[in-house]
C-alpha atoms as a PDB file:
ATOM      1  CA  MET A   1    -100.745 -25.839   5.255  1.00  0.00           C
ATOM      2  CA  SER A   2     -99.944 -22.002   6.063  1.00  0.00           C
ATOM      3  CA  SER A   3     -97.824 -20.200   3.899  1.00  0.00           C
ATOM      4  CA  LYS A   4     -94.427 -20.475   5.736  1.00  0.00           C
ATOM      5  CA  GLU A   5     -94.580 -24.948   5.211  1.00  0.00           C
ATOM      6  CA  GLN A   6     -94.934 -24.305   1.108  1.00  0.00           C
ATOM      7  CA  ASP A   7     -91.843 -22.309  -1.191  1.00  0.00           C
ATOM      8  CA  VAL A   8     -92.648 -19.693  -3.647  1.00  0.00           C
ATOM      9  CA  ALA A   9     -93.546 -22.893  -6.155  1.00  0.00           C
ATOM     10  CA  GLY A  10     -95.978 -24.258  -3.986  1.00  0.00           C
ATOM     11  CA  PHE A  11     -93.801 -27.402  -3.063  1.00  0.00           C
ATOM     12  CA  HIS A  12     -93.345 -28.424   0.763  1.00  0.00           C
ATOM     13  CA  SER A  13     -90.454 -26.780   2.668  1.00  0.00           C
ATOM     14  CA  ARG A  14     -87.027 -28.633   2.130  1.00  0.00           C
ATOM     15  CA  HIS A  15     -87.615 -31.290   4.357  1.00  0.00           C
ATOM     16  CA  ASP A  16     -89.974 -33.394   2.189  1.00  0.00           C
ATOM     17  CA  ARG A  17     -87.573 -33.171  -0.765  1.00  0.00           C
ATOM     18  CA  LEU A  18     -85.032 -35.529  -1.562  1.00  0.00           C
ATOM     19  CA  LEU A  19     -81.521 -34.180  -2.173  1.00  0.00           C
ATOM     20  CA  LYS A  20     -78.915 -35.430  -4.706  1.00  0.00           C
ATOM     21  CA  GLU A  21     -76.164 -36.135  -3.347  1.00  0.00           C
ATOM     22  CA  ARG A  22     -73.146 -33.806  -5.074  1.00  0.00           C
ATOM     23  CA  VAL A  23     -70.358 -35.245  -3.845  1.00  0.00           C
ATOM     24  CA  HIS A  24     -69.203 -38.798  -3.676  1.00  0.00           C
ATOM     25  CA  ASP A  25     -66.226 -40.118  -2.163  1.00  0.00           C
ATOM     26  CA  PRO A  26     -65.701 -43.429  -1.102  1.00  0.00           C
ATOM     27  CA  TYR A  27     -62.955 -43.276   0.613  1.00  0.00           C
ATOM     28  CA  MET A  28     -64.485 -40.854   3.006  1.00  0.00           C
ATOM     29  CA  THR A  29     -66.236 -43.905   5.294  1.00  0.00           C
ATOM     30  CA  ARG A  30     -70.259 -43.132   6.719  1.00  0.00           C
ATOM     31  CA  SER A  31     -69.188 -44.607  10.050  1.00  0.00           C
ATOM     32  CA  LYS A  32     -66.475 -43.654  11.461  1.00  0.00           C
ATOM     33  CA  PRO A  33     -63.654 -45.546  13.277  1.00  0.00           C
ATOM     34  CA  LYS A  34     -63.222 -47.117  16.310  1.00  0.00           C
ATOM     35  CA  GLU A  35     -61.520 -44.876  19.095  1.00  0.00           C
ATOM     36  CA  PRO A  36     -58.668 -44.564  19.143  1.00  0.00           C
ATOM     37  CA  SER A  37     -57.340 -46.273  15.932  1.00  0.00           C
ATOM     38  CA  VAL A  38     -54.339 -46.013  13.997  1.00  0.00           C
ATOM     39  CA  CYS A  39     -53.291 -46.816  10.564  1.00  0.00           C
ATOM     40  CA  PRO A  40     -49.993 -49.554  10.382  1.00  0.00           C
ATOM     41  CA  GLN A  41     -49.277 -48.088   7.213  1.00  0.00           C
ATOM     42  CA  CYS A  42     -48.674 -43.839   8.310  1.00  0.00           C
ATOM     43  CA  GLY A  43     -48.838 -43.612  12.230  1.00  0.00           C
ATOM     44  CA  VAL A  44     -52.107 -41.685  12.242  1.00  0.00           C
ATOM     45  CA  VAL A  45     -54.524 -42.085  14.730  1.00  0.00           C
ATOM     46  CA  PHE A  46     -57.955 -41.186  14.779  1.00  0.00           C
ATOM     47  CA  ASP A  47     -59.804 -39.964  18.315  1.00  0.00           C
ATOM     48  CA  GLU A  48     -60.978 -37.276  19.516  1.00  0.00           C
ATOM     49  CA  GLY A  49     -63.363 -37.635  16.327  1.00  0.00           C
ATOM     50  CA  ARG A  50     -60.378 -37.184  13.403  1.00  0.00           C
ATOM     51  CA  TRP A  51     -56.896 -37.831  11.887  1.00  0.00           C
ATOM     52  CA  GLN A  52     -54.675 -36.522  13.482  1.00  0.00           C
ATOM     53  CA  TRP A  53     -50.476 -36.886  14.382  1.00  0.00           C
ATOM     54  CA  GLN A  54     -49.137 -38.104  17.936  1.00  0.00           C
ATOM     55  CA  PRO A  55     -46.241 -38.870  18.654  1.00  0.00           C
ATOM     56  CA  ALA A  56     -47.336 -42.318  19.616  1.00  0.00           C
ATOM     57  CA  PRO A  57     -50.520 -44.765  19.208  1.00  0.00           C
ATOM     58  CA  PRO A  58     -52.335 -44.898  22.409  1.00  0.00           C
ATOM     59  CA  VAL A  59     -52.175 -48.321  24.172  1.00  0.00           C
ATOM     60  CA  GLY A  60     -54.808 -50.888  22.702  1.00  0.00           C
ATOM     61  CA  ALA A  61     -55.317 -48.823  19.908  1.00  0.00           C
ATOM     62  CA  SER A  62     -56.358 -51.129  16.746  1.00  0.00           C
ATOM     63  CA  GLU A  63     -55.374 -50.556  13.259  1.00  0.00           C
ATOM     64  CA  GLU A  64     -57.584 -49.344  10.764  1.00  0.00           C
ATOM     65  CA  LEU A  65     -55.746 -47.616   7.192  1.00  0.00           C
ATOM     66  CA  CYS A  66     -56.439 -44.392   6.985  1.00  0.00           C
ATOM     67  CA  PRO A  67     -58.549 -42.967   3.845  1.00  0.00           C
ATOM     68  CA  ALA A  68     -55.342 -41.031   2.508  1.00  0.00           C
ATOM     69  CA  CYS A  69     -52.793 -44.706   2.897  1.00  0.00           C
ATOM     70  CA  GLN A  70     -56.615 -46.409   1.135  1.00  0.00           C
ATOM     71  CA  ARG A  71     -56.275 -43.952  -1.797  1.00  0.00           C
ATOM     72  CA  ILE A  72     -52.289 -44.596  -1.668  1.00  0.00           C
ATOM     73  CA  ARG A  73     -52.780 -48.288  -1.992  1.00  0.00           C
ATOM     74  CA  ASP A  74     -55.272 -48.586  -5.105  1.00  0.00           C
ATOM     75  CA  LYS A  75     -53.606 -45.497  -6.669  1.00  0.00           C
ATOM     76  CA  VAL A  76     -57.164 -43.636  -6.584  1.00  0.00           C
ATOM     77  CA  PRO A  77     -56.252 -39.862  -6.464  1.00  0.00           C
ATOM     78  CA  ALA A  78     -58.926 -37.492  -5.517  1.00  0.00           C
ATOM     79  CA  GLY A  79     -56.890 -34.835  -7.735  1.00  0.00           C
ATOM     80  CA  PHE A  80     -54.225 -33.626  -9.841  1.00  0.00           C
ATOM     81  CA  LEU A  81     -51.723 -29.849 -10.405  1.00  0.00           C
ATOM     82  CA  THR A  82     -50.178 -30.243 -13.839  1.00  0.00           C
ATOM     83  CA  LEU A  83     -46.971 -27.999 -13.791  1.00  0.00           C
ATOM     84  CA  SER A  84     -46.190 -26.490 -17.561  1.00  0.00           C
ATOM     85  CA  GLY A  85     -44.667 -23.792 -19.424  1.00  0.00           C
ATOM     86  CA  GLU A  86     -41.429 -22.545 -19.932  1.00  0.00           C
ATOM     87  CA  PHE A  87     -40.729 -20.219 -17.157  1.00  0.00           C
ATOM     88  CA  PHE A  88     -41.895 -23.909 -15.362  1.00  0.00           C
ATOM     89  CA  GLN A  89     -39.293 -26.060 -16.940  1.00  0.00           C
ATOM     90  CA  GLN A  90     -37.237 -22.795 -15.812  1.00  0.00           C
ATOM     91  CA  HIS A  91     -38.154 -22.826 -12.631  1.00  0.00           C
ATOM     92  CA  ARG A  92     -38.519 -26.463 -11.625  1.00  0.00           C
ATOM     93  CA  GLU A  93     -37.056 -27.156  -8.828  1.00  0.00           C
ATOM     94  CA  GLU A  94     -38.138 -23.750  -6.818  1.00  0.00           C
ATOM     95  CA  ILE A  95     -41.452 -24.410  -7.860  1.00  0.00           C
ATOM     96  CA  LEU A  96     -41.522 -28.154  -6.702  1.00  0.00           C
ATOM     97  CA  ASN A  97     -40.075 -27.008  -3.223  1.00  0.00           C
ATOM     98  CA  LEU A  98     -42.770 -24.740  -3.099  1.00  0.00           C
ATOM     99  CA  VAL A  99     -45.145 -27.441  -3.728  1.00  0.00           C
ATOM    100  CA  ARG A 100     -43.905 -29.501  -1.690  1.00  0.00           C
ATOM    101  CA  ASN A 101     -43.102 -27.010   1.827  1.00  0.00           C
ATOM    102  CA  LYS A 102     -46.850 -26.164   1.081  1.00  0.00           C
ATOM    103  CA  VAL A 103     -47.975 -29.729   1.379  1.00  0.00           C
ATOM    104  CA  GLU A 104     -46.423 -30.059   4.134  1.00  0.00           C
ATOM    105  CA  GLU A 105     -47.544 -27.231   6.019  1.00  0.00           C
ATOM    106  CA  GLN A 106     -51.303 -28.496   5.360  1.00  0.00           C
ATOM    107  CA  ARG A 107     -50.267 -32.304   6.170  1.00  0.00           C
ATOM    108  CA  ALA A 108     -49.161 -30.735   9.638  1.00  0.00           C
ATOM    109  CA  GLN A 109     -52.598 -29.913  10.424  1.00  0.00           C
ATOM    110  CA  HIS A 110     -54.317 -32.260   8.448  1.00  0.00           C
ATOM    111  CA  PRO A 111     -52.774 -35.583   7.954  1.00  0.00           C
ATOM    112  CA  LEU A 112     -54.919 -37.269   5.463  1.00  0.00           C
ATOM    113  CA  LYS A 113     -53.989 -34.229   2.521  1.00  0.00           C
ATOM    114  CA  ARG A 114     -50.729 -35.627   1.254  1.00  0.00           C
ATOM    115  CA  VAL A 115     -49.055 -35.811  -2.639  1.00  0.00           C
ATOM    116  CA  MET A 116     -49.521 -39.393  -3.934  1.00  0.00           C
ATOM    117  CA  ALA A 117     -47.236 -39.043  -6.562  1.00  0.00           C
ATOM    118  CA  ILE A 118     -44.784 -36.212  -9.385  1.00  0.00           C
ATOM    119  CA  GLU A 119     -45.202 -37.628 -12.651  1.00  0.00           C
ATOM    120  CA  GLU A 120     -42.984 -35.870 -15.286  1.00  0.00           C
ATOM    121  CA  GLN A 121     -44.466 -35.729 -18.788  1.00  0.00           C
ATOM    122  CA  GLU A 122     -42.228 -35.887 -21.849  1.00  0.00           C
ATOM    123  CA  ASP A 123     -43.609 -32.547 -22.676  1.00  0.00           C
ATOM    124  CA  GLY A 124     -41.595 -31.443 -20.085  1.00  0.00           C
ATOM    125  CA  SER A 125     -44.240 -30.537 -17.571  1.00  0.00           C
ATOM    126  CA  CYS A 126     -45.143 -32.214 -14.080  1.00  0.00           C
ATOM    127  CA  VAL A 127     -48.034 -34.039 -13.261  1.00  0.00           C
ATOM    128  CA  ILE A 128     -48.895 -34.112  -9.076  1.00  0.00           C
ATOM    129  CA  SER A 129     -51.133 -36.299  -7.918  1.00  0.00           C
ATOM    130  CA  PHE A 130     -53.009 -35.658  -4.522  1.00  0.00           C
ATOM    131  CA  THR A 131     -55.222 -37.986  -1.925  1.00  0.00           C
ATOM    132  CA  GLU A 132     -57.921 -34.646  -0.827  1.00  0.00           C
ATOM    133  CA  MET A 133     -59.718 -33.350  -3.371  1.00  0.00           C
ATOM    134  CA  HIS A 134     -58.743 -29.117  -2.042  1.00  0.00           C
ATOM    135  CA  LEU A 135     -55.028 -29.891  -2.157  1.00  0.00           C
ATOM    136  CA  PRO A 136     -54.722 -29.394  -5.519  1.00  0.00           C
ATOM    137  CA  GLN A 137     -56.151 -25.507  -5.574  1.00  0.00           C
ATOM    138  CA  SER A 138     -54.636 -24.751  -2.270  1.00  0.00           C
ATOM    139  CA  VAL A 139     -51.216 -26.051  -3.976  1.00  0.00           C
ATOM    140  CA  GLY A 140     -52.078 -24.509  -7.068  1.00  0.00           C
ATOM    141  CA  GLU A 141     -53.381 -21.188  -6.059  1.00  0.00           C
ATOM    142  CA  ALA A 142     -49.692 -20.720  -3.828  1.00  0.00           C
ATOM    143  CA  VAL A 143     -47.712 -20.745  -7.076  1.00  0.00           C
ATOM    144  CA  GLU A 144     -50.097 -18.802  -9.127  1.00  0.00           C
ATOM    145  CA  HIS A 145     -49.522 -16.064  -5.763  1.00  0.00           C
ATOM    146  CA  ALA A 146     -45.262 -16.871  -5.826  1.00  0.00           C
ATOM    147  CA  TYR A 147     -44.626 -17.164  -9.401  1.00  0.00           C
ATOM    148  CA  LYS A 148     -47.682 -15.073 -11.130  1.00  0.00           C
ATOM    149  CA  GLY A 149     -48.989 -16.892 -14.851  1.00  0.00           C
ATOM    150  CA  GLU A 150     -52.006 -18.666 -15.159  1.00  0.00           C
ATOM    151  CA  LEU A 151     -53.879 -21.225 -13.279  1.00  0.00           C
ATOM    152  CA  GLU A 152     -57.761 -22.678 -14.073  1.00  0.00           C
ATOM    153  CA  ILE A 153     -59.625 -25.158 -11.655  1.00  0.00           C
ATOM    154  CA  THR A 154     -61.788 -27.819 -13.282  1.00  0.00           C
ATOM    155  CA  TYR A 155     -63.917 -29.255 -10.605  1.00  0.00           C
ATOM    156  CA  PRO A 156     -66.716 -31.915 -11.599  1.00  0.00           C
ATOM    157  CA  GLU A 157     -70.153 -32.370 -11.617  1.00  0.00           C
ATOM    158  CA  GLU A 158     -69.937 -35.631  -9.986  1.00  0.00           C
ATOM    159  CA  GLY A 159     -67.718 -37.492  -8.017  1.00  0.00           C
ATOM    160  CA  SER A 160     -64.893 -36.263  -5.964  1.00  0.00           C
ATOM    161  CA  LEU A 161     -61.079 -36.099  -8.417  1.00  0.00           C
ATOM    162  CA  VAL A 162     -60.360 -32.097  -9.151  1.00  0.00           C
ATOM    163  CA  ARG A 163     -57.948 -30.600 -11.788  1.00  0.00           C
ATOM    164  CA  ALA A 164     -55.449 -27.656 -11.652  1.00  0.00           C
ATOM    165  CA  ALA A 165     -53.246 -26.502 -14.466  1.00  0.00           C
ATOM    166  CA  TRP A 166     -50.865 -23.870 -14.143  1.00  0.00           C
ATOM    167  CA  ARG A 167     -48.784 -22.863 -16.753  1.00  0.00           C
ATOM    168  CA  ARG A 168     -45.988 -19.880 -17.061  1.00  0.00           C
END
């Protein structure tokens, strides 16, 4: 065995090791849907290898629920953003409008990135659930950029549930 086939510790090259999957998301299918497919719930179309918005579904498209609509139906978010603090309570509508605009901007290009719910809490905070695990971070960063404050993001060791919290 040549030295190129062993790493520093003397193990075989990378293709000889089992790699543990770090993120398991049951809503991201292992196989692609039949093309073209249309989601009967929201109308997004799976075509050319991805989910995309189209003016009208292609003729003869099969029906398949998209991953975002599956999450919404099952009430299983991929992430949360909690907004809290006195400043948030004073500027609630303005901040929530920024959140909605940021999500709509993302959703226009990536149809599976959506808000599932916006829930008011008894303490005056607001918890927003999302269908996609990177959306809490990008929306939280947009709020932090616009209004300062403190943003904390927690990524899980296993699974795909991301928690972000912004406070001011």
